[in-house]
Amino acid sequence: MSESVYRVTEVIGTSTESWEAAARIAELEAAKAVRELRVAEVVRQDVTIEDGKISGYRVRLGISFKYASGD
């Protein structure tokens, strides 16, 4: 069995459409910046409200990816 180390960090995606769209945006952008993205876990969801109506959705994702030590 090969051994691996993974790093976990949080990213936040935003959307005016939905939580799903916010999560998708966060995952797509994170995948551009890190190699071997493995898992994304929804940590928190919230909305912004303007004039009594929901105007935006935010999703905080905990993402894990393979750790590279630079060797």
PDB file of N, CA and C in Angstrom:
ATOM      1  N   MET A   1       0.841  -1.182   0.000  1.00  0.00           N
ATOM      2  CA  MET A   1       0.000   0.000   0.000  1.00  0.00           C
ATOM      3  C   MET A   1       0.881   1.238   0.000  1.00  0.00           C
ATOM      4  N   SER A   2       0.640   2.158  -0.916  1.00  0.00           N
ATOM      5  CA  SER A   2       1.417   3.388  -0.934  1.00  0.00           C
ATOM      6  C   SER A   2       0.859   4.367   0.091  1.00  0.00           C
ATOM      7  N   GLU A   3       1.745   5.173   0.616  1.00  0.00           N
ATOM      8  CA  GLU A   3       1.346   6.147   1.637  1.00  0.00           C
ATOM      9  C   GLU A   3       1.285   7.532   1.016  1.00  0.00           C
ATOM     10  N   SER A   4       0.349   8.327   1.470  1.00  0.00           N
ATOM     11  CA  SER A   4       0.181   9.681   0.955  1.00  0.00           C
ATOM     12  C   SER A   4      -0.175  10.613   2.097  1.00  0.00           C
ATOM     13  N   VAL A   5       0.086  11.874   1.872  1.00  0.00           N
ATOM     14  CA  VAL A   5      -0.313  12.916   2.812  1.00  0.00           C
ATOM     15  C   VAL A   5      -1.178  13.904   2.042  1.00  0.00           C
ATOM     16  N   TYR A   6      -2.278  14.309   2.656  1.00  0.00           N
ATOM     17  CA  TYR A   6      -3.181  15.254   2.022  1.00  0.00           C
ATOM     18  C   TYR A   6      -3.315  16.494   2.885  1.00  0.00           C
ATOM     19  N   ARG A   7      -3.463  17.607   2.237  1.00  0.00           N
ATOM     20  CA  ARG A   7      -3.657  18.879   2.925  1.00  0.00           C
ATOM     21  C   ARG A   7      -5.130  19.248   2.824  1.00  0.00           C
ATOM     22  N   VAL A   8      -5.662  19.868   3.865  1.00  0.00           N
ATOM     23  CA  VAL A   8      -7.041  20.339   3.853  1.00  0.00           C
ATOM     24  C   VAL A   8      -7.020  21.847   4.055  1.00  0.00           C
ATOM     25  N   THR A   9      -7.738  22.548   3.221  1.00  0.00           N
ATOM     26  CA  THR A   9      -7.859  23.993   3.340  1.00  0.00           C
ATOM     27  C   THR A   9      -9.290  24.390   2.989  1.00  0.00           C
ATOM     28  N   GLU A  10      -9.671  25.596   3.313  1.00  0.00           N
ATOM     29  CA  GLU A  10     -11.030  26.047   3.031  1.00  0.00           C
ATOM     30  C   GLU A  10     -11.036  27.105   1.937  1.00  0.00           C
ATOM     31  N   VAL A  11     -12.050  27.012   1.103  1.00  0.00           N
ATOM     32  CA  VAL A  11     -12.307  28.012   0.070  1.00  0.00           C
ATOM     33  C   VAL A  11     -13.771  28.407   0.159  1.00  0.00           C
ATOM     34  N   ILE A  12     -14.084  29.602  -0.300  1.00  0.00           N
ATOM     35  CA  ILE A  12     -15.459  30.098  -0.273  1.00  0.00           C
ATOM     36  C   ILE A  12     -15.873  30.451  -1.693  1.00  0.00           C
ATOM     37  N   GLY A  13     -17.006  29.908  -2.119  1.00  0.00           N
ATOM     38  CA  GLY A  13     -17.575  30.245  -3.414  1.00  0.00           C
ATOM     39  C   GLY A  13     -18.833  31.073  -3.217  1.00  0.00           C
ATOM     40  N   THR A  14     -19.084  31.987  -4.140  1.00  0.00           N
ATOM     41  CA  THR A  14     -20.275  32.828  -4.060  1.00  0.00           C
ATOM     42  C   THR A  14     -21.051  32.756  -5.372  1.00  0.00           C
ATOM     43  N   SER A  15     -22.353  32.954  -5.275  1.00  0.00           N
ATOM     44  CA  SER A  15     -23.216  32.945  -6.450  1.00  0.00           C
ATOM     45  C   SER A  15     -24.486  33.729  -6.134  1.00  0.00           C
ATOM     46  N   THR A  16     -25.067  34.306  -7.148  1.00  0.00           N
ATOM     47  CA  THR A  16     -26.372  34.945  -6.987  1.00  0.00           C
ATOM     48  C   THR A  16     -27.495  33.964  -7.294  1.00  0.00           C
ATOM     49  N   GLU A  17     -27.138  32.732  -7.741  1.00  0.00           N
ATOM     50  CA  GLU A  17     -28.134  31.745  -8.150  1.00  0.00           C
ATOM     51  C   GLU A  17     -28.524  30.770  -7.042  1.00  0.00           C
ATOM     52  N   SER A  18     -27.520  30.079  -6.456  1.00  0.00           N
ATOM     53  CA  SER A  18     -27.830  29.005  -5.513  1.00  0.00           C
ATOM     54  C   SER A  18     -26.578  28.575  -4.753  1.00  0.00           C
ATOM     55  N   TRP A  19     -26.798  27.777  -3.690  1.00  0.00           N
ATOM     56  CA  TRP A  19     -25.666  27.201  -2.970  1.00  0.00           C
ATOM     57  C   TRP A  19     -24.915  26.220  -3.863  1.00  0.00           C
ATOM     58  N   GLU A  20     -25.650  25.468  -4.665  1.00  0.00           N
ATOM     59  CA  GLU A  20     -25.005  24.509  -5.568  1.00  0.00           C
ATOM     60  C   GLU A  20     -24.062  25.210  -6.536  1.00  0.00           C
ATOM     61  N   ALA A  21     -24.517  26.329  -7.086  1.00  0.00           N
ATOM     62  CA  ALA A  21     -23.668  27.086  -8.011  1.00  0.00           C
ATOM     63  C   ALA A  21     -22.449  27.647  -7.287  1.00  0.00           C
ATOM     64  N   ALA A  22     -22.633  28.119  -6.069  1.00  0.00           N
ATOM     65  CA  ALA A  22     -21.507  28.639  -5.283  1.00  0.00           C
ATOM     66  C   ALA A  22     -20.479  27.545  -5.012  1.00  0.00           C
ATOM     67  N   ALA A  23     -20.948  26.343  -4.672  1.00  0.00           N
ATOM     68  CA  ALA A  23     -20.040  25.220  -4.422  1.00  0.00           C
ATOM     69  C   ALA A  23     -19.310  24.829  -5.704  1.00  0.00           C
ATOM     70  N   ARG A  24     -20.019  24.801  -6.808  1.00  0.00           N
ATOM     71  CA  ARG A  24     -19.415  24.449  -8.097  1.00  0.00           C
ATOM     72  C   ARG A  24     -18.327  25.452  -8.468  1.00  0.00           C
ATOM     73  N   ILE A  25     -18.599  26.740  -8.279  1.00  0.00           N
ATOM     74  CA  ILE A  25     -17.611  27.780  -8.581  1.00  0.00           C
ATOM     75  C   ILE A  25     -16.371  27.615  -7.710  1.00  0.00           C
ATOM     76  N   ALA A  26     -16.570  27.369  -6.420  1.00  0.00           N
ATOM     77  CA  ALA A  26     -15.437  27.183  -5.512  1.00  0.00           C
ATOM     78  C   ALA A  26     -14.598  25.983  -5.931  1.00  0.00           C
ATOM     79  N   GLU A  27     -15.244  24.887  -6.260  1.00  0.00           N
ATOM     80  CA  GLU A  27     -14.515  23.672  -6.654  1.00  0.00           C
ATOM     81  C   GLU A  27     -13.768  23.880  -7.963  1.00  0.00           C
ATOM     82  N   LEU A  28     -14.402  24.497  -8.945  1.00  0.00           N
ATOM     83  CA  LEU A  28     -13.748  24.723 -10.240  1.00  0.00           C
ATOM     84  C   LEU A  28     -12.530  25.616 -10.106  1.00  0.00           C
ATOM     85  N   GLU A  29     -12.627  26.670  -9.336  1.00  0.00           N
ATOM     86  CA  GLU A  29     -11.489  27.572  -9.153  1.00  0.00           C
ATOM     87  C   GLU A  29     -10.372  26.914  -8.348  1.00  0.00           C
ATOM     88  N   ALA A  30     -10.746  26.161  -7.306  1.00  0.00           N
ATOM     89  CA  ALA A  30      -9.735  25.463  -6.504  1.00  0.00           C
ATOM     90  C   ALA A  30      -8.992  24.442  -7.357  1.00  0.00           C
ATOM     91  N   ALA A  31      -9.701  23.752  -8.239  1.00  0.00           N
ATOM     92  CA  ALA A  31      -9.075  22.745  -9.092  1.00  0.00           C
ATOM     93  C   ALA A  31      -8.049  23.352 -10.040  1.00  0.00           C
ATOM     94  N   LYS A  32      -8.184  24.632 -10.368  1.00  0.00           N
ATOM     95  CA  LYS A  32      -7.199  25.314 -11.210  1.00  0.00           C
ATOM     96  C   LYS A  32      -5.897  25.577 -10.458  1.00  0.00           C
ATOM     97  N   ALA A  33      -5.995  25.702  -9.138  1.00  0.00           N
ATOM     98  CA  ALA A  33      -4.842  26.116  -8.334  1.00  0.00           C
ATOM     99  C   ALA A  33      -4.103  24.973  -7.646  1.00  0.00           C
ATOM    100  N   VAL A  34      -4.759  23.832  -7.465  1.00  0.00           N
ATOM    101  CA  VAL A  34      -4.111  22.721  -6.758  1.00  0.00           C
ATOM    102  C   VAL A  34      -4.152  21.463  -7.622  1.00  0.00           C
ATOM    103  N   ARG A  35      -3.157  20.611  -7.407  1.00  0.00           N
ATOM    104  CA  ARG A  35      -3.120  19.339  -8.116  1.00  0.00           C
ATOM    105  C   ARG A  35      -3.806  18.265  -7.280  1.00  0.00           C
ATOM    106  N   GLU A  36      -4.409  17.333  -7.958  1.00  0.00           N
ATOM    107  CA  GLU A  36      -5.003  16.158  -7.333  1.00  0.00           C
ATOM    108  C   GLU A  36      -5.999  16.501  -6.232  1.00  0.00           C
ATOM    109  N   LEU A  37      -6.933  17.379  -6.570  1.00  0.00           N
ATOM    110  CA  LEU A  37      -8.044  17.684  -5.659  1.00  0.00           C
ATOM    111  C   LEU A  37      -8.837  16.409  -5.443  1.00  0.00           C
ATOM    112  N   ARG A  38      -9.060  16.030  -4.179  1.00  0.00           N
ATOM    113  CA  ARG A  38      -9.668  14.734  -3.876  1.00  0.00           C
ATOM    114  C   ARG A  38     -11.095  14.827  -3.360  1.00  0.00           C
ATOM    115  N   VAL A  39     -11.316  15.666  -2.356  1.00  0.00           N
ATOM    116  CA  VAL A  39     -12.615  15.708  -1.684  1.00  0.00           C
ATOM    117  C   VAL A  39     -12.961  17.159  -1.391  1.00  0.00           C
ATOM    118  N   ALA A  40     -14.233  17.495  -1.519  1.00  0.00           N
ATOM    119  CA  ALA A  40     -14.723  18.804  -1.098  1.00  0.00           C
ATOM    120  C   ALA A  40     -15.909  18.561  -0.161  1.00  0.00           C
ATOM    121  N   GLU A  41     -15.839  19.141   1.019  1.00  0.00           N
ATOM    122  CA  GLU A  41     -16.889  18.975   2.023  1.00  0.00           C
ATOM    123  C   GLU A  41     -17.503  20.330   2.336  1.00  0.00           C
ATOM    124  N   VAL A  42     -18.824  20.409   2.285  1.00  0.00           N
ATOM    125  CA  VAL A  42     -19.495  21.661   2.641  1.00  0.00           C
ATOM    126  C   VAL A  42     -19.366  21.850   4.151  1.00  0.00           C
ATOM    127  N   VAL A  43     -18.713  22.937   4.532  1.00  0.00           N
ATOM    128  CA  VAL A  43     -18.495  23.253   5.937  1.00  0.00           C
ATOM    129  C   VAL A  43     -19.579  24.193   6.448  1.00  0.00           C
ATOM    130  N   ARG A  44     -19.968  25.134   5.576  1.00  0.00           N
ATOM    131  CA  ARG A  44     -20.947  26.145   6.005  1.00  0.00           C
ATOM    132  C   ARG A  44     -21.632  26.737   4.775  1.00  0.00           C
ATOM    133  N   GLN A  45     -22.889  27.080   4.947  1.00  0.00           N
ATOM    134  CA  GLN A  45     -23.647  27.783   3.914  1.00  0.00           C
ATOM    135  C   GLN A  45     -24.282  29.013   4.548  1.00  0.00           C
ATOM    136  N   ASP A  46     -24.281  30.118   3.811  1.00  0.00           N
ATOM    137  CA  ASP A  46     -25.016  31.280   4.296  1.00  0.00           C
ATOM    138  C   ASP A  46     -25.486  32.108   3.103  1.00  0.00           C
ATOM    139  N   VAL A  47     -26.323  33.079   3.382  1.00  0.00           N
ATOM    140  CA  VAL A  47     -26.856  33.950   2.340  1.00  0.00           C
ATOM    141  C   VAL A  47     -26.662  35.403   2.744  1.00  0.00           C
ATOM    142  N   THR A  48     -26.639  36.258   1.747  1.00  0.00           N
ATOM    143  CA  THR A  48     -26.681  37.699   2.005  1.00  0.00           C
ATOM    144  C   THR A  48     -28.096  38.164   1.656  1.00  0.00           C
ATOM    145  N   ILE A  49     -28.580  39.124   2.424  1.00  0.00           N
ATOM    146  CA  ILE A  49     -29.947  39.605   2.254  1.00  0.00           C
ATOM    147  C   ILE A  49     -29.916  41.111   2.025  1.00  0.00           C
ATOM    148  N   GLU A  50     -30.605  41.538   0.997  1.00  0.00           N
ATOM    149  CA  GLU A  50     -30.734  42.960   0.683  1.00  0.00           C
ATOM    150  C   GLU A  50     -32.205  43.269   0.437  1.00  0.00           C
ATOM    151  N   ASP A  51     -32.701  44.306   1.062  1.00  0.00           N
ATOM    152  CA  ASP A  51     -34.100  44.726   0.906  1.00  0.00           C
ATOM    153  C   ASP A  51     -35.074  43.575   1.194  1.00  0.00           C
ATOM    154  N   GLY A  52     -34.722  42.751   2.182  1.00  0.00           N
ATOM    155  CA  GLY A  52     -35.600  41.672   2.599  1.00  0.00           C
ATOM    156  C   GLY A  52     -35.591  40.448   1.702  1.00  0.00           C
ATOM    157  N   LYS A  53     -34.702  40.405   0.721  1.00  0.00           N
ATOM    158  CA  LYS A  53     -34.639  39.271  -0.198  1.00  0.00           C
ATOM    159  C   LYS A  53     -33.215  38.729  -0.266  1.00  0.00           C
ATOM    160  N   ILE A  54     -33.110  37.433  -0.521  1.00  0.00           N
ATOM    161  CA  ILE A  54     -31.788  36.816  -0.682  1.00  0.00           C
ATOM    162  C   ILE A  54     -31.152  37.353  -1.953  1.00  0.00           C
ATOM    163  N   SER A  55     -29.945  37.889  -1.820  1.00  0.00           N
ATOM    164  CA  SER A  55     -29.240  38.439  -2.976  1.00  0.00           C
ATOM    165  C   SER A  55     -27.987  37.651  -3.338  1.00  0.00           C
ATOM    166  N   GLY A  56     -27.557  36.771  -2.459  1.00  0.00           N
ATOM    167  CA  GLY A  56     -26.364  35.988  -2.761  1.00  0.00           C
ATOM    168  C   GLY A  56     -26.244  34.775  -1.862  1.00  0.00           C
ATOM    169  N   TYR A  57     -25.552  33.763  -2.371  1.00  0.00           N
ATOM    170  CA  TYR A  57     -25.324  32.512  -1.652  1.00  0.00           C
ATOM    171  C   TYR A  57     -23.820  32.317  -1.499  1.00  0.00           C
ATOM    172  N   ARG A  58     -23.410  31.848  -0.327  1.00  0.00           N
ATOM    173  CA  ARG A  58     -21.999  31.551  -0.084  1.00  0.00           C
ATOM    174  C   ARG A  58     -21.870  30.142   0.479  1.00  0.00           C
ATOM    175  N   VAL A  59     -20.877  29.430  -0.022  1.00  0.00           N
ATOM    176  CA  VAL A  59     -20.583  28.086   0.466  1.00  0.00           C
ATOM    177  C   VAL A  59     -19.106  28.024   0.830  1.00  0.00           C
ATOM    178  N   ARG A  60     -18.832  27.576   2.045  1.00  0.00           N
ATOM    179  CA  ARG A  60     -17.454  27.340   2.475  1.00  0.00           C
ATOM    180  C   ARG A  60     -17.178  25.852   2.327  1.00  0.00           C
ATOM    181  N   LEU A  61     -16.163  25.523   1.534  1.00  0.00           N
ATOM    182  CA  LEU A  61     -15.791  24.133   1.304  1.00  0.00           C
ATOM    183  C   LEU A  61     -14.450  23.831   1.953  1.00  0.00           C
ATOM    184  N   GLY A  62     -14.364  22.697   2.607  1.00  0.00           N
ATOM    185  CA  GLY A  62     -13.085  22.161   3.038  1.00  0.00           C
ATOM    186  C   GLY A  62     -12.622  21.236   1.926  1.00  0.00           C
ATOM    187  N   ILE A  63     -11.515  21.577   1.267  1.00  0.00           N
ATOM    188  CA  ILE A  63     -11.028  20.750   0.164  1.00  0.00           C
ATOM    189  C   ILE A  63      -9.753  20.035   0.589  1.00  0.00           C
ATOM    190  N   SER A  64      -9.591  18.819   0.113  1.00  0.00           N
ATOM    191  CA  SER A  64      -8.354  18.102   0.386  1.00  0.00           C
ATOM    192  C   SER A  64      -7.678  17.761  -0.926  1.00  0.00           C
ATOM    193  N   PHE A  65      -6.355  17.854  -0.901  1.00  0.00           N
ATOM    194  CA  PHE A  65      -5.564  17.558  -2.090  1.00  0.00           C
ATOM    195  C   PHE A  65      -4.227  16.977  -1.656  1.00  0.00           C
ATOM    196  N   LYS A  66      -3.611  16.275  -2.568  1.00  0.00           N
ATOM    197  CA  LYS A  66      -2.360  15.599  -2.268  1.00  0.00           C
ATOM    198  C   LYS A  66      -1.285  16.628  -1.959  1.00  0.00           C
ATOM    199  N   TYR A  67      -0.586  16.399  -0.859  1.00  0.00           N
ATOM    200  CA  TYR A  67       0.461  17.311  -0.407  1.00  0.00           C
ATOM    201  C   TYR A  67       1.759  16.989  -1.119  1.00  0.00           C
ATOM    202  N   ALA A  68       2.383  18.010  -1.683  1.00  0.00           N
ATOM    203  CA  ALA A  68       3.684  17.847  -2.337  1.00  0.00           C
ATOM    204  C   ALA A  68       4.711  18.661  -1.549  1.00  0.00           C
ATOM    205  N   SER A  69       5.708  17.996  -1.036  1.00  0.00           N
ATOM    206  CA  SER A  69       6.702  18.671  -0.193  1.00  0.00           C
ATOM    207  C   SER A  69       7.716  19.461  -0.994  1.00  0.00           C
ATOM    208  N   GLY A  70       7.713  19.318  -2.311  1.00  0.00           N
ATOM    209  CA  GLY A  70       8.681  20.045  -3.140  1.00  0.00           C
ATOM    210  C   GLY A  70       9.912  19.234  -3.449  1.00  0.00           C
ATOM    211  N   ASP A  71       9.932  17.974  -3.033  1.00  0.00           N
ATOM    212  CA  ASP A  71      11.091  17.104  -3.321  1.00  0.00           C
ATOM    213  C   ASP A  71      11.051  16.585  -4.734  1.00  0.00           C
TER     214      ASP A  71
END
